[in-house]
Amino acid sequence: MIQINFTVKKILIFTLILWSIFITACASLATSPSGIRILVDGQLVRFNQQPSMEQRIILAPMAPIVDLMGAEYRWNDQTQTLTLLHGDMGLAAAIGNNIMEVRNRLTREIFYITLPVAPRFYNRVAFFPVAAIVEALGAAAFFDEATNTMHILSR
C-alpha cells in the first residue's frame, strides 16, 4: 500500500473540492436565466418567468408583452389556446400546435401561419414564439445578438 503524506492528502482533497465547485458552477450556468431582454416600444418587459431561446427562436409568456402593446389577451385553459386581439388583427395559438390561425377582423379573411416552434409549457407557464406572434399582430420584431435583446415596435 502506498503511503501518502498528510500534505499531499490535503492537496488532493482541495483539488477535488475545487473540481466539484467548478462542475456545480457550470451546471448552474446551463440552467440559469437566459438573460434575454424584451423591449416593447423601448419599454422593458418584466416577466415572472424569463424568456428562453430554442432553435434560435425566442419563447416567452405573452401576457406582459401584449399588455405593453395594448392588445387584448385571452387564455382558454380547457383548449390551452391563447387568443390575442390587436387593432384589426386577431390570432389563436394552441400549446403543442405549430399552426397559428390569424384573422383580419375587418375583412374576415383567415389565414394560417406555421410557427417556427410550437408553443409549450415551461414550469406550468405557457411560452410562445414571440416574433411570430407579434408580427402577426402587425408589430415589427428584431433580435440584437450583441445586447441579447428583442425589440418589438408595435406602433
N, C-alpha and C. Protein backbone atom coordinates (compact mmCIF):
# COMPACT_ATOMS: atom_id res chain seq x y z
N MET A 1 0.84 -1.18 0.00
CA MET A 1 0.00 0.00 0.00
C MET A 1 0.89 1.25 0.00
N ILE A 2 0.50 2.20 -0.78
CA ILE A 2 1.29 3.43 -0.89
C ILE A 2 0.86 4.37 0.22
N GLN A 3 1.84 4.91 0.89
CA GLN A 3 1.54 5.88 1.93
C GLN A 3 1.66 7.27 1.34
N ILE A 4 0.61 8.06 1.54
CA ILE A 4 0.62 9.44 1.05
C ILE A 4 0.73 10.33 2.27
N ASN A 5 1.69 11.26 2.20
CA ASN A 5 1.85 12.11 3.38
C ASN A 5 0.67 13.07 3.51
N PHE A 6 0.57 13.66 4.68
CA PHE A 6 -0.57 14.49 5.04
C PHE A 6 -0.74 15.69 4.11
N THR A 7 0.30 16.33 3.64
CA THR A 7 0.23 17.50 2.75
C THR A 7 -0.33 17.11 1.39
N VAL A 8 0.09 15.97 0.87
CA VAL A 8 -0.42 15.51 -0.41
C VAL A 8 -1.91 15.21 -0.31
N LYS A 9 -2.34 14.62 0.79
CA LYS A 9 -3.78 14.35 1.00
C LYS A 9 -4.57 15.65 1.00
N LYS A 10 -4.03 16.69 1.66
CA LYS A 10 -4.70 17.99 1.69
C LYS A 10 -4.86 18.55 0.27
N ILE A 11 -3.79 18.44 -0.49
CA ILE A 11 -3.82 18.96 -1.87
C ILE A 11 -4.85 18.19 -2.70
N LEU A 12 -4.88 16.87 -2.57
CA LEU A 12 -5.86 16.07 -3.31
C LEU A 12 -7.29 16.42 -2.92
N ILE A 13 -7.54 16.55 -1.64
CA ILE A 13 -8.89 16.91 -1.17
C ILE A 13 -9.26 18.30 -1.67
N PHE A 14 -8.33 19.24 -1.56
CA PHE A 14 -8.57 20.61 -2.03
C PHE A 14 -8.89 20.61 -3.53
N THR A 15 -8.14 19.84 -4.31
CA THR A 15 -8.36 19.76 -5.75
C THR A 15 -9.74 19.16 -6.06
N LEU A 16 -10.12 18.12 -5.34
CA LEU A 16 -11.44 17.52 -5.55
C LEU A 16 -12.56 18.50 -5.21
N ILE A 17 -12.38 19.25 -4.15
CA ILE A 17 -13.39 20.26 -3.78
C ILE A 17 -13.49 21.32 -4.86
N LEU A 18 -12.35 21.81 -5.36
CA LEU A 18 -12.38 22.81 -6.43
C LEU A 18 -13.08 22.28 -7.67
N TRP A 19 -12.79 21.03 -8.04
CA TRP A 19 -13.44 20.43 -9.21
C TRP A 19 -14.95 20.32 -9.01
N SER A 20 -15.37 19.95 -7.83
CA SER A 20 -16.81 19.82 -7.59
C SER A 20 -17.49 21.19 -7.64
N ILE A 21 -16.81 22.22 -7.12
CA ILE A 21 -17.36 23.58 -7.21
C ILE A 21 -17.45 24.01 -8.67
N PHE A 22 -16.41 23.75 -9.44
CA PHE A 22 -16.38 24.10 -10.86
C PHE A 22 -17.51 23.41 -11.62
N ILE A 23 -17.68 22.13 -11.39
CA ILE A 23 -18.73 21.37 -12.09
C ILE A 23 -20.11 21.88 -11.69
N THR A 24 -20.32 22.17 -10.42
CA THR A 24 -21.59 22.71 -9.96
C THR A 24 -21.86 24.07 -10.59
N ALA A 25 -20.84 24.91 -10.67
CA ALA A 25 -21.00 26.24 -11.27
C ALA A 25 -21.36 26.12 -12.74
N CYS A 26 -20.71 25.22 -13.46
CA CYS A 26 -21.02 25.02 -14.88
C CYS A 26 -22.45 24.54 -15.06
N ALA A 27 -22.90 23.64 -14.21
CA ALA A 27 -24.27 23.13 -14.31
C ALA A 27 -25.28 24.23 -14.02
N SER A 28 -24.98 25.09 -13.05
CA SER A 28 -25.92 26.16 -12.74
C SER A 28 -25.96 27.20 -13.84
N LEU A 29 -24.84 27.42 -14.54
CA LEU A 29 -24.85 28.35 -15.67
C LEU A 29 -25.73 27.81 -16.79
N ALA A 30 -25.73 26.52 -16.99
CA ALA A 30 -26.54 25.91 -18.05
C ALA A 30 -28.02 26.07 -17.77
N THR A 31 -28.42 26.17 -16.50
CA THR A 31 -29.83 26.27 -16.17
C THR A 31 -30.21 27.66 -15.66
N SER A 32 -29.29 28.61 -15.72
CA SER A 32 -29.59 29.95 -15.22
C SER A 32 -30.50 30.68 -16.21
N PRO A 33 -31.13 31.78 -15.77
CA PRO A 33 -31.98 32.53 -16.68
C PRO A 33 -31.22 32.93 -17.94
N SER A 34 -31.94 33.02 -19.03
CA SER A 34 -31.33 33.24 -20.34
C SER A 34 -30.65 34.59 -20.48
N GLY A 35 -31.08 35.55 -19.70
CA GLY A 35 -30.53 36.88 -19.85
C GLY A 35 -31.12 37.61 -21.04
N ILE A 36 -32.11 37.03 -21.68
CA ILE A 36 -32.76 37.67 -22.83
C ILE A 36 -33.68 38.77 -22.31
N ARG A 37 -33.52 39.94 -22.91
CA ARG A 37 -34.40 41.06 -22.57
C ARG A 37 -35.35 41.30 -23.74
N ILE A 38 -36.56 41.74 -23.42
CA ILE A 38 -37.52 42.10 -24.45
C ILE A 38 -38.01 43.51 -24.16
N LEU A 39 -37.94 44.35 -25.19
CA LEU A 39 -38.42 45.73 -25.09
C LEU A 39 -39.59 45.91 -26.04
N VAL A 40 -40.66 46.50 -25.55
CA VAL A 40 -41.81 46.86 -26.40
C VAL A 40 -41.83 48.38 -26.48
N ASP A 41 -41.63 48.90 -27.68
CA ASP A 41 -41.58 50.35 -27.89
C ASP A 41 -40.62 51.02 -26.90
N GLY A 42 -39.48 50.36 -26.66
CA GLY A 42 -38.45 50.89 -25.79
C GLY A 42 -38.65 50.60 -24.31
N GLN A 43 -39.78 50.03 -23.94
CA GLN A 43 -40.07 49.75 -22.53
C GLN A 43 -39.75 48.29 -22.20
N LEU A 44 -38.96 48.07 -21.14
CA LEU A 44 -38.56 46.73 -20.74
C LEU A 44 -39.76 45.93 -20.23
N VAL A 45 -39.91 44.72 -20.75
CA VAL A 45 -40.98 43.82 -20.32
C VAL A 45 -40.49 43.08 -19.07
N ARG A 46 -41.32 43.05 -18.05
CA ARG A 46 -40.99 42.34 -16.81
C ARG A 46 -41.73 41.00 -16.80
N PHE A 47 -40.99 39.94 -16.56
CA PHE A 47 -41.55 38.58 -16.57
C PHE A 47 -41.41 37.94 -15.20
N ASN A 48 -42.39 37.09 -14.84
CA ASN A 48 -42.24 36.24 -13.66
C ASN A 48 -41.35 35.06 -13.98
N GLN A 49 -41.40 34.61 -15.23
CA GLN A 49 -40.53 33.53 -15.69
C GLN A 49 -39.84 34.03 -16.96
N GLN A 50 -38.52 33.99 -16.98
CA GLN A 50 -37.72 34.61 -18.03
C GLN A 50 -37.89 33.93 -19.38
N PRO A 51 -37.77 34.71 -20.47
CA PRO A 51 -37.81 34.15 -21.82
C PRO A 51 -36.69 33.13 -22.02
N SER A 52 -36.87 32.29 -23.02
CA SER A 52 -35.83 31.32 -23.34
C SER A 52 -35.63 31.31 -24.85
N MET A 53 -34.58 30.64 -25.29
CA MET A 53 -34.31 30.53 -26.72
C MET A 53 -34.22 29.05 -27.07
N GLU A 54 -34.91 28.70 -28.14
CA GLU A 54 -34.88 27.33 -28.64
C GLU A 54 -34.77 27.39 -30.15
N GLN A 55 -33.78 26.74 -30.71
CA GLN A 55 -33.54 26.76 -32.15
C GLN A 55 -33.46 28.19 -32.68
N ARG A 56 -32.81 29.06 -31.89
CA ARG A 56 -32.64 30.48 -32.22
C ARG A 56 -33.96 31.26 -32.26
N ILE A 57 -35.00 30.72 -31.64
CA ILE A 57 -36.31 31.36 -31.55
C ILE A 57 -36.54 31.76 -30.09
N ILE A 58 -36.93 33.02 -29.88
CA ILE A 58 -37.23 33.50 -28.53
C ILE A 58 -38.64 33.07 -28.16
N LEU A 59 -38.76 32.38 -27.03
CA LEU A 59 -40.06 31.97 -26.49
C LEU A 59 -40.27 32.69 -25.17
N ALA A 60 -41.50 33.14 -24.92
CA ALA A 60 -41.78 33.86 -23.68
C ALA A 60 -43.27 33.81 -23.37
N PRO A 61 -43.62 34.07 -22.11
CA PRO A 61 -45.03 34.27 -21.78
C PRO A 61 -45.52 35.53 -22.51
N MET A 62 -46.69 35.49 -23.09
CA MET A 62 -47.13 36.60 -23.93
C MET A 62 -47.88 37.71 -23.20
N ALA A 63 -48.50 37.41 -22.05
CA ALA A 63 -49.33 38.41 -21.37
C ALA A 63 -48.60 39.73 -21.11
N PRO A 64 -47.39 39.72 -20.52
CA PRO A 64 -46.75 41.01 -20.27
C PRO A 64 -46.32 41.75 -21.54
N ILE A 65 -46.07 41.00 -22.60
CA ILE A 65 -45.67 41.63 -23.87
C ILE A 65 -46.87 42.33 -24.50
N VAL A 66 -47.96 41.58 -24.68
CA VAL A 66 -49.12 42.16 -25.36
C VAL A 66 -49.80 43.22 -24.52
N ASP A 67 -49.63 43.15 -23.20
CA ASP A 67 -50.16 44.21 -22.34
C ASP A 67 -49.51 45.54 -22.69
N LEU A 68 -48.17 45.54 -22.87
CA LEU A 68 -47.47 46.77 -23.25
C LEU A 68 -47.81 47.20 -24.67
N MET A 69 -48.21 46.25 -25.52
CA MET A 69 -48.61 46.59 -26.88
C MET A 69 -50.02 47.14 -26.93
N GLY A 70 -50.79 46.97 -25.87
CA GLY A 70 -52.18 47.42 -25.85
C GLY A 70 -53.12 46.40 -26.47
N ALA A 71 -52.70 45.15 -26.56
CA ALA A 71 -53.54 44.09 -27.14
C ALA A 71 -54.36 43.43 -26.05
N GLU A 72 -55.44 42.81 -26.48
CA GLU A 72 -56.30 42.07 -25.55
C GLU A 72 -55.84 40.61 -25.52
N TYR A 73 -55.72 40.08 -24.31
CA TYR A 73 -55.18 38.73 -24.08
C TYR A 73 -56.29 37.85 -23.51
N ARG A 74 -56.48 36.69 -24.11
CA ARG A 74 -57.44 35.71 -23.58
C ARG A 74 -56.77 34.35 -23.56
N TRP A 75 -56.95 33.62 -22.47
CA TRP A 75 -56.41 32.27 -22.35
C TRP A 75 -57.56 31.31 -22.07
N ASN A 76 -57.66 30.26 -22.90
CA ASN A 76 -58.65 29.20 -22.69
C ASN A 76 -57.93 28.01 -22.09
N ASP A 77 -58.16 27.79 -20.80
CA ASP A 77 -57.45 26.72 -20.09
C ASP A 77 -57.87 25.34 -20.60
N GLN A 78 -59.12 25.21 -21.00
CA GLN A 78 -59.62 23.91 -21.46
C GLN A 78 -58.95 23.47 -22.77
N THR A 79 -58.81 24.41 -23.71
CA THR A 79 -58.19 24.06 -25.00
C THR A 79 -56.71 24.44 -25.05
N GLN A 80 -56.23 25.08 -23.99
CA GLN A 80 -54.84 25.55 -23.90
C GLN A 80 -54.50 26.42 -25.12
N THR A 81 -55.39 27.37 -25.38
CA THR A 81 -55.26 28.25 -26.54
C THR A 81 -55.19 29.70 -26.11
N LEU A 82 -54.23 30.41 -26.69
CA LEU A 82 -54.08 31.84 -26.50
C LEU A 82 -54.80 32.55 -27.64
N THR A 83 -55.64 33.53 -27.30
CA THR A 83 -56.27 34.38 -28.30
C THR A 83 -55.85 35.81 -28.02
N LEU A 84 -55.38 36.49 -29.06
CA LEU A 84 -54.96 37.88 -28.94
C LEU A 84 -55.71 38.73 -29.94
N LEU A 85 -56.11 39.93 -29.52
CA LEU A 85 -56.78 40.89 -30.38
C LEU A 85 -56.02 42.20 -30.30
N HIS A 86 -55.64 42.72 -31.48
CA HIS A 86 -54.89 43.97 -31.53
C HIS A 86 -55.26 44.69 -32.82
N GLY A 87 -55.91 45.83 -32.68
CA GLY A 87 -56.35 46.58 -33.86
C GLY A 87 -57.29 45.72 -34.69
N ASP A 88 -56.98 45.62 -35.98
CA ASP A 88 -57.82 44.83 -36.89
C ASP A 88 -57.49 43.35 -36.88
N MET A 89 -56.45 42.97 -36.14
CA MET A 89 -55.98 41.58 -36.21
C MET A 89 -56.34 40.79 -34.95
N GLY A 90 -56.56 39.50 -35.16
CA GLY A 90 -56.78 38.57 -34.06
C GLY A 90 -56.04 37.29 -34.39
N LEU A 91 -55.64 36.57 -33.37
CA LEU A 91 -54.96 35.30 -33.63
C LEU A 91 -55.26 34.31 -32.53
N ALA A 92 -55.09 33.04 -32.88
CA ALA A 92 -55.24 31.96 -31.91
C ALA A 92 -54.07 31.00 -32.10
N ALA A 93 -53.40 30.69 -30.98
CA ALA A 93 -52.27 29.76 -30.99
C ALA A 93 -52.43 28.80 -29.82
N ALA A 94 -52.31 27.51 -30.09
CA ALA A 94 -52.53 26.49 -29.07
C ALA A 94 -51.22 25.81 -28.69
N ILE A 95 -51.13 25.41 -27.45
CA ILE A 95 -49.96 24.67 -26.95
C ILE A 95 -49.80 23.39 -27.76
N GLY A 96 -48.56 23.14 -28.20
CA GLY A 96 -48.25 21.92 -28.92
C GLY A 96 -48.60 21.93 -30.40
N ASN A 97 -49.19 23.02 -30.89
CA ASN A 97 -49.60 23.11 -32.29
C ASN A 97 -48.80 24.22 -32.97
N ASN A 98 -48.05 23.89 -34.01
CA ASN A 98 -47.24 24.91 -34.67
C ASN A 98 -47.99 25.66 -35.78
N ILE A 99 -49.30 25.44 -35.89
CA ILE A 99 -50.13 26.20 -36.84
C ILE A 99 -50.93 27.23 -36.04
N MET A 100 -50.77 28.50 -36.41
CA MET A 100 -51.48 29.59 -35.74
C MET A 100 -52.51 30.17 -36.71
N GLU A 101 -53.72 30.38 -36.22
CA GLU A 101 -54.77 30.99 -37.03
C GLU A 101 -54.73 32.50 -36.82
N VAL A 102 -54.72 33.24 -37.94
CA VAL A 102 -54.71 34.70 -37.89
C VAL A 102 -55.93 35.19 -38.67
N ARG A 103 -56.59 36.19 -38.09
CA ARG A 103 -57.82 36.69 -38.70
C ARG A 103 -57.78 38.22 -38.78
N ASN A 104 -58.09 38.73 -39.99
CA ASN A 104 -58.29 40.17 -40.14
C ASN A 104 -59.74 40.42 -39.75
N ARG A 105 -59.94 41.16 -38.68
CA ARG A 105 -61.30 41.33 -38.15
C ARG A 105 -62.15 42.24 -39.00
N LEU A 106 -61.55 43.04 -39.88
CA LEU A 106 -62.34 43.89 -40.77
C LEU A 106 -62.80 43.13 -42.01
N THR A 107 -61.87 42.46 -42.67
CA THR A 107 -62.21 41.75 -43.91
C THR A 107 -62.70 40.32 -43.65
N ARG A 108 -62.52 39.86 -42.43
CA ARG A 108 -62.86 38.49 -42.03
C ARG A 108 -62.01 37.43 -42.74
N GLU A 109 -60.93 37.88 -43.36
CA GLU A 109 -60.01 36.95 -44.01
C GLU A 109 -59.27 36.16 -42.92
N ILE A 110 -59.17 34.85 -43.12
CA ILE A 110 -58.46 33.98 -42.19
C ILE A 110 -57.30 33.34 -42.94
N PHE A 111 -56.15 33.33 -42.30
CA PHE A 111 -55.01 32.62 -42.88
C PHE A 111 -54.25 31.94 -41.75
N TYR A 112 -53.38 31.04 -42.13
CA TYR A 112 -52.66 30.23 -41.16
C TYR A 112 -51.16 30.44 -41.33
N ILE A 113 -50.49 30.52 -40.20
CA ILE A 113 -49.04 30.70 -40.18
C ILE A 113 -48.44 29.49 -39.47
N THR A 114 -47.39 28.94 -40.07
CA THR A 114 -46.65 27.86 -39.41
C THR A 114 -45.61 28.50 -38.50
N LEU A 115 -45.75 28.24 -37.22
CA LEU A 115 -44.82 28.79 -36.23
C LEU A 115 -43.49 28.04 -36.30
N PRO A 116 -42.38 28.73 -36.09
CA PRO A 116 -41.07 28.06 -36.16
C PRO A 116 -40.88 27.04 -35.05
N VAL A 117 -41.55 27.25 -33.92
CA VAL A 117 -41.51 26.34 -32.77
C VAL A 117 -42.91 26.33 -32.18
N ALA A 118 -43.43 25.16 -31.87
CA ALA A 118 -44.77 25.07 -31.28
C ALA A 118 -44.77 25.66 -29.87
N PRO A 119 -45.83 26.37 -29.50
CA PRO A 119 -45.94 26.85 -28.12
C PRO A 119 -45.88 25.68 -27.14
N ARG A 120 -45.36 25.94 -25.94
CA ARG A 120 -45.20 24.87 -24.96
C ARG A 120 -45.24 25.43 -23.55
N PHE A 121 -45.33 24.53 -22.60
CA PHE A 121 -45.27 24.91 -21.19
C PHE A 121 -43.86 24.72 -20.67
N TYR A 122 -43.39 25.70 -19.90
CA TYR A 122 -42.18 25.58 -19.10
C TYR A 122 -42.60 25.88 -17.68
N ASN A 123 -42.40 24.96 -16.78
CA ASN A 123 -42.79 25.16 -15.37
C ASN A 123 -44.22 25.64 -15.24
N ARG A 124 -45.11 25.00 -16.00
CA ARG A 124 -46.55 25.29 -15.98
C ARG A 124 -46.91 26.69 -16.48
N VAL A 125 -46.01 27.34 -17.20
CA VAL A 125 -46.27 28.65 -17.80
C VAL A 125 -46.22 28.47 -19.31
N ALA A 126 -47.20 29.03 -20.02
CA ALA A 126 -47.26 28.91 -21.48
C ALA A 126 -46.26 29.87 -22.12
N PHE A 127 -45.42 29.31 -23.00
CA PHE A 127 -44.42 30.08 -23.75
C PHE A 127 -44.75 30.00 -25.23
N PHE A 128 -44.61 31.14 -25.92
CA PHE A 128 -44.93 31.24 -27.34
C PHE A 128 -43.76 31.87 -28.09
N PRO A 129 -43.62 31.55 -29.39
CA PRO A 129 -42.57 32.19 -30.20
C PRO A 129 -42.92 33.67 -30.40
N VAL A 130 -42.18 34.52 -29.75
CA VAL A 130 -42.54 35.94 -29.64
C VAL A 130 -42.62 36.64 -30.99
N ALA A 131 -41.58 36.55 -31.80
CA ALA A 131 -41.55 37.31 -33.07
C ALA A 131 -42.74 36.94 -33.96
N ALA A 132 -43.01 35.66 -34.11
CA ALA A 132 -44.12 35.23 -34.98
C ALA A 132 -45.46 35.77 -34.47
N ILE A 133 -45.65 35.75 -33.17
CA ILE A 133 -46.92 36.22 -32.59
C ILE A 133 -47.09 37.72 -32.79
N VAL A 134 -46.08 38.51 -32.42
CA VAL A 134 -46.25 39.97 -32.50
C VAL A 134 -46.27 40.45 -33.95
N GLU A 135 -45.54 39.78 -34.84
CA GLU A 135 -45.57 40.17 -36.25
C GLU A 135 -46.94 39.87 -36.86
N ALA A 136 -47.59 38.80 -36.43
CA ALA A 136 -48.95 38.50 -36.92
C ALA A 136 -49.94 39.57 -36.47
N LEU A 137 -49.62 40.25 -35.37
CA LEU A 137 -50.47 41.34 -34.89
C LEU A 137 -50.12 42.68 -35.52
N GLY A 138 -49.15 42.69 -36.42
CA GLY A 138 -48.79 43.91 -37.14
C GLY A 138 -47.59 44.65 -36.58
N ALA A 139 -46.94 44.11 -35.56
CA ALA A 139 -45.75 44.76 -34.99
C ALA A 139 -44.51 44.28 -35.72
N ALA A 140 -43.41 44.97 -35.50
CA ALA A 140 -42.11 44.55 -36.04
C ALA A 140 -41.28 44.03 -34.88
N ALA A 141 -40.48 43.00 -35.14
CA ALA A 141 -39.63 42.44 -34.10
C ALA A 141 -38.26 42.12 -34.67
N PHE A 142 -37.23 42.44 -33.91
CA PHE A 142 -35.88 42.04 -34.31
C PHE A 142 -35.07 41.78 -33.06
N PHE A 143 -34.09 40.88 -33.20
CA PHE A 143 -33.26 40.48 -32.08
C PHE A 143 -31.85 41.01 -32.27
N ASP A 144 -31.35 41.72 -31.27
CA ASP A 144 -29.99 42.26 -31.28
C ASP A 144 -29.12 41.29 -30.47
N GLU A 145 -28.31 40.49 -31.18
CA GLU A 145 -27.48 39.49 -30.52
C GLU A 145 -26.42 40.13 -29.63
N ALA A 146 -25.94 41.30 -30.00
CA ALA A 146 -24.89 41.96 -29.21
C ALA A 146 -25.37 42.29 -27.80
N THR A 147 -26.64 42.65 -27.66
CA THR A 147 -27.17 43.01 -26.34
C THR A 147 -28.13 41.95 -25.80
N ASN A 148 -28.36 40.88 -26.58
CA ASN A 148 -29.26 39.80 -26.17
C ASN A 148 -30.66 40.36 -25.91
N THR A 149 -31.10 41.28 -26.78
CA THR A 149 -32.36 41.98 -26.60
C THR A 149 -33.25 41.85 -27.83
N MET A 150 -34.52 41.50 -27.59
CA MET A 150 -35.52 41.53 -28.66
C MET A 150 -36.25 42.86 -28.57
N HIS A 151 -36.31 43.55 -29.69
CA HIS A 151 -37.01 44.83 -29.79
C HIS A 151 -38.31 44.61 -30.54
N ILE A 152 -39.41 45.07 -29.96
CA ILE A 152 -40.72 44.99 -30.59
C ILE A 152 -41.23 46.40 -30.78
N LEU A 153 -41.59 46.73 -32.01
CA LEU A 153 -42.14 48.05 -32.33
C LEU A 153 -43.59 47.85 -32.71
N SER A 154 -44.48 48.27 -31.80
CA SER A 154 -45.90 47.99 -32.02
C SER A 154 -46.63 49.15 -32.67
N ARG A 155 -45.97 50.29 -32.80
CA ARG A 155 -46.66 51.47 -33.34
C ARG A 155 -46.25 51.74 -34.76
